[in-house]
Amino acid sequence: MRGRLPHHFNMNLYVKGSHLPLVFEGVLDMDEGYFEPTDVYLQSARGRVEGKADYKLSEAVFNQIMSGQYDEDINDAAWGSN
């Protein structure tokens, strides 16, 4: 199979001193062998607000995850769940 496929998976990631159960959404590039995340959010709602906002990460945590610092772990999890 070649090309780019939409993909999502769950993983726990240690960020800012906490293990966070996360959902990653993005694209698997079958030709180049990498996962390109487009969104990340909590697996379970925090129970503080209604709707999608309850799964949202803080801006600081989201930016740290998307900064590239965790790319190797995220890529390994994406391909392992495929």
Protein backbone atom coordinates (compact mmCIF):
# COMPACT_ATOMS: atom_id res chain seq x y z
CA MET A 1 0.00 0.00 0.00
CA ARG A 2 1.30 3.44 -0.86
CA GLY A 3 0.29 6.99 -0.19
CA ARG A 4 -1.07 8.77 2.86
CA LEU A 5 -3.77 7.29 5.09
CA PRO A 6 -5.76 8.93 7.89
CA HIS A 7 -4.93 7.25 11.19
CA HIS A 8 -5.65 7.60 14.90
CA PHE A 9 -4.36 5.75 17.95
CA ASN A 10 -4.19 5.93 21.74
CA MET A 11 -1.01 6.13 23.79
CA ASN A 12 0.25 7.22 27.18
CA LEU A 13 2.86 9.96 27.05
CA TYR A 14 4.92 11.39 29.92
CA VAL A 15 4.61 15.17 29.60
CA LYS A 16 5.46 17.86 32.16
CA GLY A 17 5.73 15.34 35.01
CA SER A 18 2.51 13.43 34.29
CA HIS A 19 1.50 10.36 32.32
CA LEU A 20 -1.28 11.48 30.00
CA PRO A 21 -3.61 9.03 28.22
CA LEU A 22 -3.88 10.66 24.78
CA VAL A 23 -5.53 10.18 21.39
CA PHE A 24 -3.54 11.19 18.32
CA GLU A 25 -5.12 11.90 14.94
CA GLY A 26 -3.13 12.42 11.79
CA VAL A 27 -1.77 10.87 8.62
CA LEU A 28 0.46 7.84 8.05
CA ASP A 29 2.78 8.41 5.12
CA MET A 30 3.27 4.90 3.77
CA ASP A 31 5.98 5.95 1.29
CA GLU A 32 8.17 7.88 3.72
CA GLY A 33 7.37 5.79 6.82
CA TYR A 34 6.30 8.49 9.26
CA PHE A 35 3.20 9.68 11.12
CA GLU A 36 2.19 13.34 10.87
CA PRO A 37 -0.06 14.32 13.82
CA THR A 38 -2.79 16.86 13.18
CA ASP A 39 -4.55 16.76 16.57
CA VAL A 40 -4.02 15.36 20.06
CA TYR A 41 -6.46 15.28 22.97
CA LEU A 42 -7.22 13.39 26.19
CA GLN A 43 -8.72 9.88 25.98
CA SER A 44 -11.16 10.60 28.81
CA ALA A 45 -13.11 13.71 29.66
CA ARG A 46 -12.04 15.69 32.71
CA GLY A 47 -15.66 16.27 33.74
CA ARG A 48 -15.29 20.04 34.08
CA VAL A 49 -17.07 21.36 31.00
CA GLU A 50 -19.49 20.05 28.40
CA GLY A 51 -18.60 18.67 24.98
CA LYS A 52 -15.31 18.52 23.12
CA ALA A 53 -13.63 21.14 25.30
CA ASP A 54 -13.55 18.61 28.15
CA TYR A 55 -11.00 16.53 26.18
CA LYS A 56 -8.82 19.47 25.18
CA LEU A 57 -5.25 19.82 26.43
CA SER A 58 -3.90 23.08 27.76
CA GLU A 59 -2.19 25.17 25.10
CA ALA A 60 1.22 24.72 26.76
CA VAL A 61 0.95 20.91 26.85
CA PHE A 62 -0.45 20.75 23.29
CA ASN A 63 2.39 22.92 21.97
CA GLN A 64 5.03 20.87 23.79
CA ILE A 65 3.70 17.62 22.31
CA MET A 66 3.50 19.08 18.80
CA SER A 67 6.96 20.73 19.07
CA GLY A 68 8.74 17.64 17.79
CA GLN A 69 10.21 16.66 21.14
CA TYR A 70 8.17 13.43 21.24
CA ASP A 71 8.15 12.63 17.50
CA GLU A 72 10.09 9.36 17.84
CA ASP A 73 7.76 7.98 20.55
CA ILE A 74 4.66 9.12 18.67
CA ASN A 75 5.89 7.64 15.38
CA ASP A 76 6.70 4.30 17.05
CA ALA A 77 3.23 4.16 18.64
CA ALA A 78 1.51 5.11 15.37
CA TRP A 79 3.18 2.37 13.39
CA GLY A 80 2.81 -0.15 16.22
CA SER A 81 -0.94 0.39 16.34
CA ASN A 82 -1.40 0.02 12.59
